[in-house]
Amino acid sequence: MLTSVLNTDRAIAMNIEIMRAFAQYRALLLDNRELRRELRGLDAKLSRTTEELMERIDDLTAKVLVREIAKKKPSRPIGFKK
């Protein structure tokens, strides 16, 4: 962003190179359907794996909480004894 604000020859040249690099990257993704399909597949796989991992963490957390609750001794009632 700074290269588009600055008005020096070097900044202008750098801005042009950055725009060319992004244009090449976009063209690569648009032209290469197989690469795009592979990236989408990896994204879907990563999402599924993350969901499974979070479910397992939740299950383990629940088991630990159940154990902790079971280990607690019943507390004495508060108040005066009759």
Protein backbone atom coordinates (compact mmCIF):
# COMPACT_ATOMS: atom_id res chain seq x y z
CA MET A 1 0.00 0.00 0.00
CA LEU A 2 2.86 2.34 0.79
CA THR A 3 4.33 1.88 -2.70
CA SER A 4 1.09 3.19 -4.23
CA VAL A 5 1.21 6.31 -2.04
CA LEU A 6 4.86 7.19 -2.50
CA ASN A 7 5.78 9.08 -5.64
CA THR A 8 9.38 8.01 -6.24
CA ASP A 9 10.60 6.05 -9.26
CA ARG A 10 11.59 3.13 -7.05
CA ALA A 11 8.19 3.02 -5.31
CA ILE A 12 6.37 3.15 -8.64
CA ALA A 13 8.51 0.32 -10.03
CA MET A 14 7.91 -1.76 -6.91
CA ASN A 15 4.16 -1.15 -7.09
CA ILE A 16 4.12 -2.31 -10.72
CA GLU A 17 6.02 -5.49 -9.80
CA ILE A 18 3.62 -6.23 -6.95
CA MET A 19 0.61 -5.81 -9.25
CA ARG A 20 2.21 -8.09 -11.85
CA ALA A 21 2.88 -10.76 -9.22
CA PHE A 22 -0.75 -10.70 -8.05
CA ALA A 23 -1.98 -10.81 -11.64
CA GLN A 24 0.21 -13.85 -12.35
CA TYR A 25 -0.99 -15.58 -9.19
CA ARG A 26 -4.62 -14.95 -10.11
CA ALA A 27 -4.06 -16.15 -13.68
CA LEU A 28 -2.39 -19.30 -12.37
CA LEU A 29 -5.37 -20.09 -10.15
CA LEU A 30 -7.91 -19.31 -12.85
CA ASP A 31 -6.12 -21.32 -15.54
CA ASN A 32 -5.23 -24.32 -13.45
CA ARG A 33 -8.48 -26.05 -12.55
CA GLU A 34 -6.69 -29.02 -11.06
CA LEU A 35 -4.77 -26.81 -8.63
CA ARG A 36 -7.98 -25.04 -7.66
CA ARG A 37 -9.74 -28.38 -7.09
CA GLU A 38 -6.82 -29.59 -5.00
CA LEU A 39 -6.87 -26.44 -2.86
CA ARG A 40 -10.61 -26.79 -2.28
CA GLY A 41 -10.16 -30.44 -1.35
CA LEU A 42 -7.43 -29.59 1.13
CA ASP A 43 -9.59 -26.86 2.62
CA ALA A 44 -12.52 -29.26 3.05
CA LYS A 45 -10.26 -31.92 4.58
CA LEU A 46 -8.77 -29.40 6.98
CA SER A 47 -12.24 -28.24 8.01
CA ARG A 48 -13.40 -31.82 8.70
CA THR A 49 -10.24 -32.60 10.64
CA THR A 50 -10.62 -29.45 12.72
CA GLU A 51 -14.25 -30.30 13.52
CA GLU A 52 -13.31 -33.84 14.58
CA LEU A 53 -10.49 -32.53 16.73
CA MET A 54 -12.77 -30.03 18.46
CA GLU A 55 -15.36 -32.76 19.12
CA ARG A 56 -12.71 -34.99 20.69
CA ILE A 57 -11.44 -32.14 22.84
CA ASP A 58 -15.01 -31.45 23.99
CA ASP A 59 -15.53 -35.14 24.82
CA LEU A 60 -12.32 -35.30 26.82
CA THR A 61 -13.18 -32.10 28.67
CA ALA A 62 -16.62 -33.48 29.55
CA LYS A 63 -15.09 -36.73 30.84
CA VAL A 64 -12.62 -34.84 33.01
CA LEU A 65 -15.40 -32.66 34.43
CA VAL A 66 -17.52 -35.72 35.25
CA ARG A 67 -14.56 -37.31 37.05
CA GLU A 68 -13.86 -34.13 39.02
CA ILE A 69 -17.50 -33.84 40.08
CA ALA A 70 -17.55 -37.51 41.13
CA LYS A 71 -14.39 -37.05 43.22
CA LYS A 72 -15.77 -34.13 45.23
CA LYS A 73 -16.91 -34.97 48.70
CA PRO A 74 -20.36 -33.78 49.64
CA SER A 75 -20.11 -30.52 51.52
CA ARG A 76 -21.56 -30.03 54.96
CA PRO A 77 -24.73 -28.02 55.07
CA ILE A 78 -24.33 -24.43 56.10
CA GLY A 79 -26.24 -23.20 59.14
CA PHE A 80 -27.01 -24.10 62.71
CA LYS A 81 -27.40 -27.68 63.86
CA LYS A 82 -30.58 -28.53 65.71
